[in-house]
PDB file of N, CA and C in Angstrom:
ATOM      1  N   MET A   1       0.834  31.532 -14.913  1.00  0.00           N
ATOM      2  CA  MET A   1       0.153  30.668 -13.963  1.00  0.00           C
ATOM      3  C   MET A   1      -0.257  29.378 -14.677  1.00  0.00           C
ATOM      4  N   PRO A   2      -0.199  28.233 -13.983  1.00  0.00           N
ATOM      5  CA  PRO A   2      -0.538  26.961 -14.618  1.00  0.00           C
ATOM      6  C   PRO A   2      -2.003  26.934 -15.080  1.00  0.00           C
ATOM      7  N   GLU A   3      -2.281  26.070 -16.036  1.00  0.00           N
ATOM      8  CA  GLU A   3      -3.628  25.926 -16.577  1.00  0.00           C
ATOM      9  C   GLU A   3      -4.589  25.452 -15.483  1.00  0.00           C
ATOM     10  N   ASN A   4      -5.759  26.086 -15.415  1.00  0.00           N
ATOM     11  CA  ASN A   4      -6.721  25.809 -14.345  1.00  0.00           C
ATOM     12  C   ASN A   4      -7.152  24.345 -14.259  1.00  0.00           C
ATOM     13  N   ALA A   5      -7.412  23.708 -15.401  1.00  0.00           N
ATOM     14  CA  ALA A   5      -7.879  22.319 -15.385  1.00  0.00           C
ATOM     15  C   ALA A   5      -6.829  21.400 -14.770  1.00  0.00           C
ATOM     16  N   ALA A   6      -5.568  21.616 -15.124  1.00  0.00           N
ATOM     17  CA  ALA A   6      -4.499  20.787 -14.580  1.00  0.00           C
ATOM     18  C   ALA A   6      -4.329  21.030 -13.084  1.00  0.00           C
ATOM     19  N   VAL A   7      -4.433  22.284 -12.672  1.00  0.00           N
ATOM     20  CA  VAL A   7      -4.306  22.623 -11.250  1.00  0.00           C
ATOM     21  C   VAL A   7      -5.470  22.018 -10.478  1.00  0.00           C
ATOM     22  N   GLU A   8      -6.673  22.148 -11.018  1.00  0.00           N
ATOM     23  CA  GLU A   8      -7.847  21.596 -10.328  1.00  0.00           C
ATOM     24  C   GLU A   8      -7.727  20.085 -10.191  1.00  0.00           C
ATOM     25  N   GLU A   9      -7.223  19.435 -11.220  1.00  0.00           N
ATOM     26  CA  GLU A   9      -7.026  17.987 -11.174  1.00  0.00           C
ATOM     27  C   GLU A   9      -6.007  17.610 -10.096  1.00  0.00           C
ATOM     28  N   ARG A  10      -4.932  18.361 -10.030  1.00  0.00           N
ATOM     29  CA  ARG A  10      -3.898  18.094  -9.023  1.00  0.00           C
ATOM     30  C   ARG A  10      -4.427  18.324  -7.609  1.00  0.00           C
ATOM     31  N   LEU A  11      -5.152  19.417  -7.413  1.00  0.00           N
ATOM     32  CA  LEU A  11      -5.723  19.702  -6.094  1.00  0.00           C
ATOM     33  C   LEU A  11      -6.750  18.633  -5.717  1.00  0.00           C
ATOM     34  N   ALA A  12      -7.548  18.196  -6.673  1.00  0.00           N
ATOM     35  CA  ALA A  12      -8.545  17.153  -6.416  1.00  0.00           C
ATOM     36  C   ALA A  12      -7.868  15.832  -6.043  1.00  0.00           C
ATOM     37  N   ALA A  13      -6.764  15.519  -6.720  1.00  0.00           N
ATOM     38  CA  ALA A  13      -6.033  14.283  -6.409  1.00  0.00           C
ATOM     39  C   ALA A  13      -5.431  14.356  -5.007  1.00  0.00           C
ATOM     40  N   GLU A  14      -4.860  15.498  -4.660  1.00  0.00           N
ATOM     41  CA  GLU A  14      -4.291  15.648  -3.322  1.00  0.00           C
ATOM     42  C   GLU A  14      -5.397  15.623  -2.273  1.00  0.00           C
ATOM     43  N   ARG A  15      -6.542  16.192  -2.610  1.00  0.00           N
ATOM     44  CA  ARG A  15      -7.684  16.180  -1.693  1.00  0.00           C
ATOM     45  C   ARG A  15      -8.139  14.742  -1.446  1.00  0.00           C
ATOM     46  N   ALA A  16      -8.229  13.948  -2.511  1.00  0.00           N
ATOM     47  CA  ALA A  16      -8.635  12.541  -2.381  1.00  0.00           C
ATOM     48  C   ALA A  16      -7.627  11.764  -1.525  1.00  0.00           C
ATOM     49  N   ALA A  17      -6.347  12.010  -1.741  1.00  0.00           N
ATOM     50  CA  ALA A  17      -5.316  11.339  -0.943  1.00  0.00           C
ATOM     51  C   ALA A  17      -5.418  11.745   0.529  1.00  0.00           C
ATOM     52  N   THR A  18      -5.728  13.005   0.767  1.00  0.00           N
ATOM     53  CA  THR A  18      -5.868  13.494   2.139  1.00  0.00           C
ATOM     54  C   THR A  18      -7.090  12.872   2.802  1.00  0.00           C
ATOM     55  N   LEU A  19      -8.188  12.738   2.067  1.00  0.00           N
ATOM     56  CA  LEU A  19      -9.375  12.070   2.610  1.00  0.00           C
ATOM     57  C   LEU A  19      -9.073  10.614   2.964  1.00  0.00           C
ATOM     58  N   THR A  20      -8.290   9.948   2.129  1.00  0.00           N
ATOM     59  CA  THR A  20      -7.882   8.572   2.408  1.00  0.00           C
ATOM     60  C   THR A  20      -7.042   8.520   3.679  1.00  0.00           C
ATOM     61  N   GLN A  21      -6.134   9.474   3.821  1.00  0.00           N
ATOM     62  CA  GLN A  21      -5.293   9.550   5.022  1.00  0.00           C
ATOM     63  C   GLN A  21      -6.156   9.793   6.263  1.00  0.00           C
ATOM     64  N   ILE A  22      -7.122  10.697   6.160  1.00  0.00           N
ATOM     65  CA  ILE A  22      -8.013  10.988   7.289  1.00  0.00           C
ATOM     66  C   ILE A  22      -8.792   9.737   7.677  1.00  0.00           C
ATOM     67  N   ASP A  23      -9.256   9.026   6.686  1.00  0.00           N
ATOM     68  CA  ASP A  23      -9.989   7.781   6.936  1.00  0.00           C
ATOM     69  C   ASP A  23      -9.119   6.773   7.686  1.00  0.00           C
ATOM     70  N   ALA A  24      -7.892   6.585   7.224  1.00  0.00           N
ATOM     71  CA  ALA A  24      -6.980   5.634   7.862  1.00  0.00           C
ATOM     72  C   ALA A  24      -6.633   6.067   9.289  1.00  0.00           C
ATOM     73  N   LEU A  25      -6.361   7.347   9.478  1.00  0.00           N
ATOM     74  CA  LEU A  25      -6.030   7.841  10.813  1.00  0.00           C
ATOM     75  C   LEU A  25      -7.221   7.731  11.764  1.00  0.00           C
ATOM     76  N   THR A  26      -8.413   7.960  11.240  1.00  0.00           N
ATOM     77  CA  THR A  26      -9.623   7.825  12.060  1.00  0.00           C
ATOM     78  C   THR A  26      -9.781   6.381  12.516  1.00  0.00           C
ATOM     79  N   ARG A  27      -9.542   5.440  11.612  1.00  0.00           N
ATOM     80  CA  ARG A  27      -9.603   4.016  11.981  1.00  0.00           C
ATOM     81  C   ARG A  27      -8.528   3.677  13.007  1.00  0.00           C
ATOM     82  N   ASP A  28      -7.315   4.189  12.805  1.00  0.00           N
ATOM     83  CA  ASP A  28      -6.227   3.944  13.766  1.00  0.00           C
ATOM     84  C   ASP A  28      -6.584   4.478  15.145  1.00  0.00           C
ATOM     85  N   PHE A  29      -7.103   5.698  15.165  1.00  0.00           N
ATOM     86  CA  PHE A  29      -7.471   6.313  16.442  1.00  0.00           C
ATOM     87  C   PHE A  29      -8.553   5.480  17.132  1.00  0.00           C
ATOM     88  N   GLN A  30      -9.554   5.081  16.375  1.00  0.00           N
ATOM     89  CA  GLN A  30     -10.639   4.291  16.961  1.00  0.00           C
ATOM     90  C   GLN A  30     -10.127   2.946  17.458  1.00  0.00           C
ATOM     91  N   SER A  31      -9.178   2.350  16.761  1.00  0.00           N
ATOM     92  CA  SER A  31      -8.589   1.083  17.204  1.00  0.00           C
ATOM     93  C   SER A  31      -7.882   1.246  18.541  1.00  0.00           C
ATOM     94  N   ILE A  32      -7.176   2.347  18.694  1.00  0.00           N
ATOM     95  CA  ILE A  32      -6.484   2.619  19.964  1.00  0.00           C
ATOM     96  C   ILE A  32      -7.504   2.788  21.082  1.00  0.00           C
ATOM     97  N   VAL A  33      -8.539   3.554  20.819  1.00  0.00           N
ATOM     98  CA  VAL A  33      -9.595   3.776  21.824  1.00  0.00           C
ATOM     99  C   VAL A  33     -10.276   2.457  22.171  1.00  0.00           C
ATOM    100  N   ASP A  34     -10.623   1.683  21.144  1.00  0.00           N
ATOM    101  CA  ASP A  34     -11.301   0.403  21.374  1.00  0.00           C
ATOM    102  C   ASP A  34     -10.425  -0.566  22.161  1.00  0.00           C
ATOM    103  N   ALA A  35      -9.151  -0.634  21.835  1.00  0.00           N
ATOM    104  CA  ALA A  35      -8.236  -1.538  22.541  1.00  0.00           C
ATOM    105  C   ALA A  35      -8.116  -1.149  24.007  1.00  0.00           C
ATOM    106  N   ASN A  36      -8.110   0.139  24.277  1.00  0.00           N
ATOM    107  CA  ASN A  36      -7.988   0.597  25.656  1.00  0.00           C
ATOM    108  C   ASN A  36      -9.284   0.438  26.439  1.00  0.00           C
ATOM    109  N   ALA A  37     -10.388   0.369  25.727  1.00  0.00           N
ATOM    110  CA  ALA A  37     -11.675   0.196  26.401  1.00  0.00           C
ATOM    111  C   ALA A  37     -11.802  -1.211  26.986  1.00  0.00           C
ATOM    112  N   LEU A  38     -11.039  -2.152  26.444  1.00  0.00           N
ATOM    113  CA  LEU A  38     -11.110  -3.537  26.900  1.00  0.00           C
ATOM    114  C   LEU A  38     -10.339  -3.775  28.198  1.00  0.00           C
ATOM    115  N   VAL A  39      -9.446  -2.876  28.528  1.00  0.00           N
ATOM    116  CA  VAL A  39      -8.651  -3.024  29.753  1.00  0.00           C
ATOM    117  C   VAL A  39      -8.755  -1.756  30.575  1.00  0.00           C
ATOM    118  N   ALA A  40      -8.634  -1.917  31.854  1.00  0.00           N
ATOM    119  CA  ALA A  40      -8.644  -0.751  32.737  1.00  0.00           C
ATOM    120  C   ALA A  40      -7.234  -0.169  32.732  1.00  0.00           C
ATOM    121  N   VAL A  41      -7.054   0.874  31.956  1.00  0.00           N
ATOM    122  CA  VAL A  41      -5.729   1.470  31.820  1.00  0.00           C
ATOM    123  C   VAL A  41      -5.587   2.633  32.794  1.00  0.00           C
ATOM    124  N   ASP A  42      -4.568   2.558  33.580  1.00  0.00           N
ATOM    125  CA  ASP A  42      -4.209   3.637  34.503  1.00  0.00           C
ATOM    126  C   ASP A  42      -2.879   4.175  33.978  1.00  0.00           C
ATOM    127  N   ASP A  43      -2.939   5.244  33.172  1.00  0.00           N
ATOM    128  CA  ASP A  43      -1.740   5.767  32.517  1.00  0.00           C
ATOM    129  C   ASP A  43      -0.598   6.014  33.491  1.00  0.00           C
ATOM    130  N   GLU A  44      -0.908   6.361  34.703  1.00  0.00           N
ATOM    131  CA  GLU A  44       0.128   6.708  35.664  1.00  0.00           C
ATOM    132  C   GLU A  44       0.865   5.485  36.195  1.00  0.00           C
ATOM    133  N   HIS A  45       0.143   4.362  36.370  1.00  0.00           N
ATOM    134  CA  HIS A  45       0.750   3.184  36.988  1.00  0.00           C
ATOM    135  C   HIS A  45       0.973   2.017  36.035  1.00  0.00           C
ATOM    136  N   ASP A  46       0.302   2.012  34.931  1.00  0.00           N
ATOM    137  CA  ASP A  46       0.458   0.945  33.944  1.00  0.00           C
ATOM    138  C   ASP A  46       1.686   1.234  33.099  1.00  0.00           C
ATOM    139  N   PRO A  47       2.625   0.286  33.007  1.00  0.00           N
ATOM    140  CA  PRO A  47       3.846   0.543  32.219  1.00  0.00           C
ATOM    141  C   PRO A  47       3.567   0.830  30.745  1.00  0.00           C
ATOM    142  N   ASP A  48       2.478   0.320  30.209  1.00  0.00           N
ATOM    143  CA  ASP A  48       2.136   0.580  28.811  1.00  0.00           C
ATOM    144  C   ASP A  48       1.210   1.778  28.656  1.00  0.00           C
ATOM    145  N   GLY A  49       0.708   2.287  29.762  1.00  0.00           N
ATOM    146  CA  GLY A  49      -0.259   3.378  29.714  1.00  0.00           C
ATOM    147  C   GLY A  49       0.286   4.637  29.083  1.00  0.00           C
ATOM    148  N   SER A  50       1.498   5.004  29.426  1.00  0.00           N
ATOM    149  CA  SER A  50       2.060   6.245  28.876  1.00  0.00           C
ATOM    150  C   SER A  50       2.314   6.123  27.380  1.00  0.00           C
ATOM    151  N   SER A  51       2.745   4.936  26.921  1.00  0.00           N
ATOM    152  CA  SER A  51       2.965   4.773  25.479  1.00  0.00           C
ATOM    153  C   SER A  51       1.636   4.763  24.733  1.00  0.00           C
ATOM    154  N   THR A  52       0.603   4.209  25.348  1.00  0.00           N
ATOM    155  CA  THR A  52      -0.724   4.219  24.747  1.00  0.00           C
ATOM    156  C   THR A  52      -1.246   5.646  24.646  1.00  0.00           C
ATOM    157  N   ALA A  53      -1.049   6.410  25.710  1.00  0.00           N
ATOM    158  CA  ALA A  53      -1.493   7.812  25.696  1.00  0.00           C
ATOM    159  C   ALA A  53      -0.725   8.600  24.638  1.00  0.00           C
ATOM    160  N   PHE A  54       0.581   8.328  24.521  1.00  0.00           N
ATOM    161  CA  PHE A  54       1.378   9.005  23.503  1.00  0.00           C
ATOM    162  C   PHE A  54       0.885   8.645  22.107  1.00  0.00           C
ATOM    163  N   GLU A  55       0.645   7.365  21.885  1.00  0.00           N
ATOM    164  CA  GLU A  55       0.187   6.911  20.568  1.00  0.00           C
ATOM    165  C   GLU A  55      -1.155   7.559  20.211  1.00  0.00           C
ATOM    166  N   ARG A  56      -2.070   7.618  21.163  1.00  0.00           N
ATOM    167  CA  ARG A  56      -3.373   8.230  20.938  1.00  0.00           C
ATOM    168  C   ARG A  56      -3.209   9.721  20.611  1.00  0.00           C
ATOM    169  N   ALA A  57      -2.358  10.407  21.372  1.00  0.00           N
ATOM    170  CA  ALA A  57      -2.120  11.838  21.135  1.00  0.00           C
ATOM    171  C   ALA A  57      -1.444  12.061  19.783  1.00  0.00           C
ATOM    172  N   HIS A  58      -0.514  11.186  19.422  1.00  0.00           N
ATOM    173  CA  HIS A  58       0.196  11.315  18.149  1.00  0.00           C
ATOM    174  C   HIS A  58      -0.772  11.159  16.974  1.00  0.00           C
ATOM    175  N   VAL A  59      -1.593  10.135  17.006  1.00  0.00           N
ATOM    176  CA  VAL A  59      -2.556   9.911  15.920  1.00  0.00           C
ATOM    177  C   VAL A  59      -3.563  11.050  15.872  1.00  0.00           C
ATOM    178  N   SER A  60      -3.989  11.530  17.028  1.00  0.00           N
ATOM    179  CA  SER A  60      -4.910  12.658  17.080  1.00  0.00           C
ATOM    180  C   SER A  60      -4.296  13.901  16.432  1.00  0.00           C
ATOM    181  N   SER A  61      -3.019  14.143  16.700  1.00  0.00           N
ATOM    182  CA  SER A  61      -2.322  15.284  16.117  1.00  0.00           C
ATOM    183  C   SER A  61      -2.218  15.150  14.594  1.00  0.00           C
ATOM    184  N   LEU A  62      -1.878  13.963  14.127  1.00  0.00           N
ATOM    185  CA  LEU A  62      -1.795  13.726  12.681  1.00  0.00           C
ATOM    186  C   LEU A  62      -3.158  13.920  12.017  1.00  0.00           C
ATOM    187  N   LEU A  63      -4.204  13.489  12.702  1.00  0.00           N
ATOM    188  CA  LEU A  63      -5.559  13.652  12.184  1.00  0.00           C
ATOM    189  C   LEU A  63      -5.938  15.132  12.093  1.00  0.00           C
ATOM    190  N   THR A  64      -5.582  15.896  13.096  1.00  0.00           N
ATOM    191  CA  THR A  64      -5.843  17.338  13.089  1.00  0.00           C
ATOM    192  C   THR A  64      -5.110  18.007  11.933  1.00  0.00           C
ATOM    193  N   GLN A  65      -3.844  17.642  11.727  1.00  0.00           N
ATOM    194  CA  GLN A  65      -3.060  18.213  10.628  1.00  0.00           C
ATOM    195  C   GLN A  65      -3.659  17.850   9.272  1.00  0.00           C
ATOM    196  N   ALA A  66      -4.099  16.619   9.118  1.00  0.00           N
ATOM    197  CA  ALA A  66      -4.690  16.186   7.845  1.00  0.00           C
ATOM    198  C   ALA A  66      -5.990  16.938   7.567  1.00  0.00           C
ATOM    199  N   ARG A  67      -6.798  17.144   8.592  1.00  0.00           N
ATOM    200  CA  ARG A  67      -8.049  17.893   8.408  1.00  0.00           C
ATOM    201  C   ARG A  67      -7.771  19.351   8.048  1.00  0.00           C
ATOM    202  N   LEU A  68      -6.753  19.930   8.653  1.00  0.00           N
ATOM    203  CA  LEU A  68      -6.367  21.306   8.333  1.00  0.00           C
ATOM    204  C   LEU A  68      -5.876  21.390   6.881  1.00  0.00           C
ATOM    205  N   HIS A  69      -5.095  20.403   6.473  1.00  0.00           N
ATOM    206  CA  HIS A  69      -4.611  20.367   5.086  1.00  0.00           C
ATOM    207  C   HIS A  69      -5.797  20.263   4.119  1.00  0.00           C
ATOM    208  N   LEU A  70      -6.793  19.456   4.463  1.00  0.00           N
ATOM    209  CA  LEU A  70      -7.991  19.332   3.634  1.00  0.00           C
ATOM    210  C   LEU A  70      -8.693  20.685   3.514  1.00  0.00           C
ATOM    211  N   ASP A  71      -8.801  21.403   4.621  1.00  0.00           N
ATOM    212  CA  ASP A  71      -9.398  22.746   4.582  1.00  0.00           C
ATOM    213  C   ASP A  71      -8.612  23.672   3.656  1.00  0.00           C
ATOM    214  N   HIS A  72      -7.279  23.602   3.722  1.00  0.00           N
ATOM    215  CA  HIS A  72      -6.438  24.451   2.877  1.00  0.00           C
ATOM    216  C   HIS A  72      -6.609  24.088   1.398  1.00  0.00           C
ATOM    217  N   LEU A  73      -6.747  22.800   1.109  1.00  0.00           N
ATOM    218  CA  LEU A  73      -6.973  22.377  -0.273  1.00  0.00           C
ATOM    219  C   LEU A  73      -8.328  22.867  -0.775  1.00  0.00           C
ATOM    220  N   ASP A  74      -9.342  22.801   0.073  1.00  0.00           N
ATOM    221  CA  ASP A  74     -10.665  23.305  -0.318  1.00  0.00           C
ATOM    222  C   ASP A  74     -10.614  24.808  -0.581  1.00  0.00           C
ATOM    223  N   GLU A  75      -9.880  25.536   0.257  1.00  0.00           N
ATOM    224  CA  GLU A  75      -9.721  26.973   0.044  1.00  0.00           C
ATOM    225  C   GLU A  75      -8.973  27.247  -1.257  1.00  0.00           C
ATOM    226  N   ALA A  76      -7.970  26.423  -1.561  1.00  0.00           N
ATOM    227  CA  ALA A  76      -7.228  26.587  -2.818  1.00  0.00           C
ATOM    228  C   ALA A  76      -8.142  26.361  -4.020  1.00  0.00           C
ATOM    229  N   LEU A  77      -9.009  25.363  -3.937  1.00  0.00           N
ATOM    230  CA  LEU A  77      -9.960  25.120  -5.022  1.00  0.00           C
ATOM    231  C   LEU A  77     -10.900  26.313  -5.195  1.00  0.00           C
ATOM    232  N   THR A  78     -11.331  26.896  -4.100  1.00  0.00           N
ATOM    233  CA  THR A  78     -12.185  28.087  -4.173  1.00  0.00           C
ATOM    234  C   THR A  78     -11.438  29.238  -4.833  1.00  0.00           C
ATOM    235  N   ARG A  79     -10.174  29.457  -4.409  1.00  0.00           N
ATOM    236  CA  ARG A  79      -9.370  30.533  -5.021  1.00  0.00           C
ATOM    237  C   ARG A  79      -9.188  30.290  -6.514  1.00  0.00           C
ATOM    238  N   LEU A  80      -8.985  29.043  -6.900  1.00  0.00           N
ATOM    239  CA  LEU A  80      -8.811  28.702  -8.313  1.00  0.00           C
ATOM    240  C   LEU A  80     -10.069  29.074  -9.098  1.00  0.00           C
ATOM    241  N   ARG A  81     -11.204  28.701  -8.581  1.00  0.00           N
ATOM    242  CA  ARG A  81     -12.475  28.966  -9.273  1.00  0.00           C
ATOM    243  C   ARG A  81     -12.796  30.463  -9.325  1.00  0.00           C
ATOM    244  N   GLU A  82     -12.278  31.203  -8.355  1.00  0.00           N
ATOM    245  CA  GLU A  82     -12.511  32.652  -8.312  1.00  0.00           C
ATOM    246  C   GLU A  82     -11.418  33.446  -9.030  1.00  0.00           C
ATOM    247  N   GLY A  83     -10.413  32.740  -9.578  1.00  0.00           N
ATOM    248  CA  GLY A  83      -9.340  33.408 -10.303  1.00  0.00           C
ATOM    249  C   GLY A  83      -8.271  34.030  -9.407  1.00  0.00           C
ATOM    250  N   ARG A  84      -8.220  33.619  -8.152  1.00  0.00           N
ATOM    251  CA  ARG A  84      -7.235  34.161  -7.222  1.00  0.00           C
ATOM    252  C   ARG A  84      -6.114  33.170  -6.902  1.00  0.00           C
ATOM    253  N   TYR A  85      -6.159  31.977  -7.470  1.00  0.00           N
ATOM    254  CA  TYR A  85      -5.160  30.952  -7.169  1.00  0.00           C
ATOM    255  C   TYR A  85      -3.802  31.350  -7.741  1.00  0.00           C
ATOM    256  N   GLY A  86      -2.770  31.140  -6.952  1.00  0.00           N
ATOM    257  CA  GLY A  86      -1.413  31.418  -7.419  1.00  0.00           C
ATOM    258  C   GLY A  86      -0.999  32.865  -7.266  1.00  0.00           C
ATOM    259  N   ILE A  87      -1.804  33.660  -6.597  1.00  0.00           N
ATOM    260  CA  ILE A  87      -1.486  35.064  -6.348  1.00  0.00           C
ATOM    261  C   ILE A  87      -1.256  35.221  -4.844  1.00  0.00           C
ATOM    262  N   CYS A  88      -0.131  35.789  -4.477  1.00  0.00           N
ATOM    263  CA  CYS A  88       0.218  35.972  -3.066  1.00  0.00           C
ATOM    264  C   CYS A  88      -0.823  36.862  -2.385  1.00  0.00           C
ATOM    265  N   GLU A  89      -1.374  36.369  -1.290  1.00  0.00           N
ATOM    266  CA  GLU A  89      -2.399  37.136  -0.575  1.00  0.00           C
ATOM    267  C   GLU A  89      -1.821  38.345   0.149  1.00  0.00           C
ATOM    268  N   ARG A  90      -0.504  38.383   0.300  1.00  0.00           N
ATOM    269  CA  ARG A  90       0.120  39.493   1.021  1.00  0.00           C
ATOM    270  C   ARG A  90       0.595  40.605   0.086  1.00  0.00           C
ATOM    271  N   CYS A  91       1.370  40.210  -0.943  1.00  0.00           N
ATOM    272  CA  CYS A  91       1.966  41.247  -1.799  1.00  0.00           C
ATOM    273  C   CYS A  91       1.334  41.328  -3.190  1.00  0.00           C
ATOM    274  N   GLY A  92       0.524  40.316  -3.564  1.00  0.00           N
ATOM    275  CA  GLY A  92      -0.174  40.359  -4.837  1.00  0.00           C
ATOM    276  C   GLY A  92       0.605  39.874  -6.043  1.00  0.00           C
ATOM    277  N   VAL A  93       1.845  39.413  -5.862  1.00  0.00           N
ATOM    278  CA  VAL A  93       2.603  38.897  -7.008  1.00  0.00           C
ATOM    279  C   VAL A  93       2.248  37.432  -7.250  1.00  0.00           C
ATOM    280  N   GLU A  94       2.582  36.965  -8.431  1.00  0.00           N
ATOM    281  CA  GLU A  94       2.318  35.577  -8.780  1.00  0.00           C
ATOM    282  C   GLU A  94       3.245  34.654  -7.986  1.00  0.00           C
ATOM    283  N   ILE A  95       2.679  33.616  -7.393  1.00  0.00           N
ATOM    284  CA  ILE A  95       3.469  32.618  -6.666  1.00  0.00           C
ATOM    285  C   ILE A  95       4.139  31.733  -7.708  1.00  0.00           C
ATOM    286  N   PRO A  96       5.448  31.531  -7.617  1.00  0.00           N
ATOM    287  CA  PRO A  96       6.147  30.713  -8.615  1.00  0.00           C
ATOM    288  C   PRO A  96       5.564  29.298  -8.718  1.00  0.00           C
ATOM    289  N   ALA A  97       5.518  28.795  -9.945  1.00  0.00           N
ATOM    290  CA  ALA A  97       4.974  27.460 -10.204  1.00  0.00           C
ATOM    291  C   ALA A  97       5.694  26.392  -9.393  1.00  0.00           C
ATOM    292  N   GLU A  98       6.995  26.569  -9.170  1.00  0.00           N
ATOM    293  CA  GLU A  98       7.774  25.601  -8.400  1.00  0.00           C
ATOM    294  C   GLU A  98       7.247  25.498  -6.971  1.00  0.00           C
ATOM    295  N   ARG A  99       6.889  26.638  -6.391  1.00  0.00           N
ATOM    296  CA  ARG A  99       6.349  26.628  -5.021  1.00  0.00           C
ATOM    297  C   ARG A  99       4.985  25.947  -4.999  1.00  0.00           C
ATOM    298  N   LEU A 100       4.152  26.259  -5.988  1.00  0.00           N
ATOM    299  CA  LEU A 100       2.823  25.647  -6.045  1.00  0.00           C
ATOM    300  C   LEU A 100       2.910  24.146  -6.322  1.00  0.00           C
ATOM    301  N   GLU A 101       3.961  23.738  -7.005  1.00  0.00           N
ATOM    302  CA  GLU A 101       4.166  22.302  -7.251  1.00  0.00           C
ATOM    303  C   GLU A 101       4.415  21.572  -5.930  1.00  0.00           C
ATOM    304  N   VAL A 102       5.199  22.182  -5.054  1.00  0.00           N
ATOM    305  CA  VAL A 102       5.538  21.577  -3.762  1.00  0.00           C
ATOM    306  C   VAL A 102       4.426  21.787  -2.743  1.00  0.00           C
ATOM    307  N   ARG A 103       3.851  22.978  -2.747  1.00  0.00           N
ATOM    308  CA  ARG A 103       2.802  23.344  -1.788  1.00  0.00           C
ATOM    309  C   ARG A 103       1.606  23.922  -2.552  1.00  0.00           C
ATOM    310  N   PRO A 104       0.776  23.047  -3.120  1.00  0.00           N
ATOM    311  CA  PRO A 104      -0.289  23.517  -4.004  1.00  0.00           C
ATOM    312  C   PRO A 104      -1.352  24.395  -3.323  1.00  0.00           C
ATOM    313  N   ALA A 105      -1.423  24.370  -2.015  1.00  0.00           N
ATOM    314  CA  ALA A 105      -2.410  25.185  -1.314  1.00  0.00           C
ATOM    315  C   ALA A 105      -1.796  26.499  -0.806  1.00  0.00           C
ATOM    316  N   SER A 106      -0.569  26.812  -1.251  1.00  0.00           N
ATOM    317  CA  SER A 106       0.103  28.028  -0.802  1.00  0.00           C
ATOM    318  C   SER A 106      -0.715  29.272  -1.090  1.00  0.00           C
ATOM    319  N   THR A 107      -0.692  30.182  -0.123  1.00  0.00           N
ATOM    320  CA  THR A 107      -1.388  31.459  -0.297  1.00  0.00           C
ATOM    321  C   THR A 107      -0.393  32.620  -0.368  1.00  0.00           C
ATOM    322  N   ARG A 108       0.893  32.306  -0.164  1.00  0.00           N
ATOM    323  CA  ARG A 108       1.921  33.353  -0.176  1.00  0.00           C
ATOM    324  C   ARG A 108       3.126  32.916  -0.983  1.00  0.00           C
ATOM    325  N   CYS A 109       3.791  33.914  -1.572  1.00  0.00           N
ATOM    326  CA  CYS A 109       5.043  33.654  -2.276  1.00  0.00           C
ATOM    327  C   CYS A 109       6.112  33.324  -1.228  1.00  0.00           C
ATOM    328  N   VAL A 110       7.261  32.873  -1.683  1.00  0.00           N
ATOM    329  CA  VAL A 110       8.343  32.496  -0.772  1.00  0.00           C
ATOM    330  C   VAL A 110       8.753  33.680   0.107  1.00  0.00           C
ATOM    331  N   GLY A 111       8.882  34.856  -0.494  1.00  0.00           N
ATOM    332  CA  GLY A 111       9.305  36.037   0.262  1.00  0.00           C
ATOM    333  C   GLY A 111       8.352  36.408   1.367  1.00  0.00           C
ATOM    334  N   CYS A 112       7.065  36.234   1.127  1.00  0.00           N
ATOM    335  CA  CYS A 112       6.057  36.614   2.125  1.00  0.00           C
ATOM    336  C   CYS A 112       5.726  35.482   3.091  1.00  0.00           C
ATOM    337  N   ALA A 113       6.093  34.249   2.729  1.00  0.00           N
ATOM    338  CA  ALA A 113       5.753  33.100   3.567  1.00  0.00           C
ATOM    339  C   ALA A 113       6.376  33.182   4.955  1.00  0.00           C
ATOM    340  N   GLY A 114       7.559  33.769   5.044  1.00  0.00           N
ATOM    341  CA  GLY A 114       8.238  33.877   6.330  1.00  0.00           C
ATOM    342  C   GLY A 114       7.820  35.074   7.146  1.00  0.00           C
ATOM    343  N   VAL A 115       6.995  35.925   6.555  1.00  0.00           N
ATOM    344  CA  VAL A 115       6.562  37.152   7.236  1.00  0.00           C
ATOM    345  C   VAL A 115       5.230  36.858   7.932  1.00  0.00           C
ATOM    346  N   GLY A 116       5.121  37.255   9.193  1.00  0.00           N
ATOM    347  CA  GLY A 116       3.904  37.020   9.983  1.00  0.00           C
ATOM    348  C   GLY A 116       2.740  37.676   9.491  1.00  0.00           C
TER     349      GLY A 116
END
């Protein structure tokens, strides 16, 4: 398993990047809301209304995904501090370093990842 300090540093860096992404998406979402507040938008009859609604929903979805990723990173940091990081929660084997490099918040090995 990789050295804890290096893993913690990597998780912290990804966490910081995710917080930056959440901040940017929050600003984008608020800009969309603010822009629409200035005009009476009727999504059904306004030709731009449906694209505005799509854009708002898209940014909202990205924001939800980023917040979920942040939660997963926080859980990974907890597992690291408790000595459970890098161990598959399903079968108990060590998660390969290559998988953790790509998906540092992984809780399952490749074999178990596809199993419900």
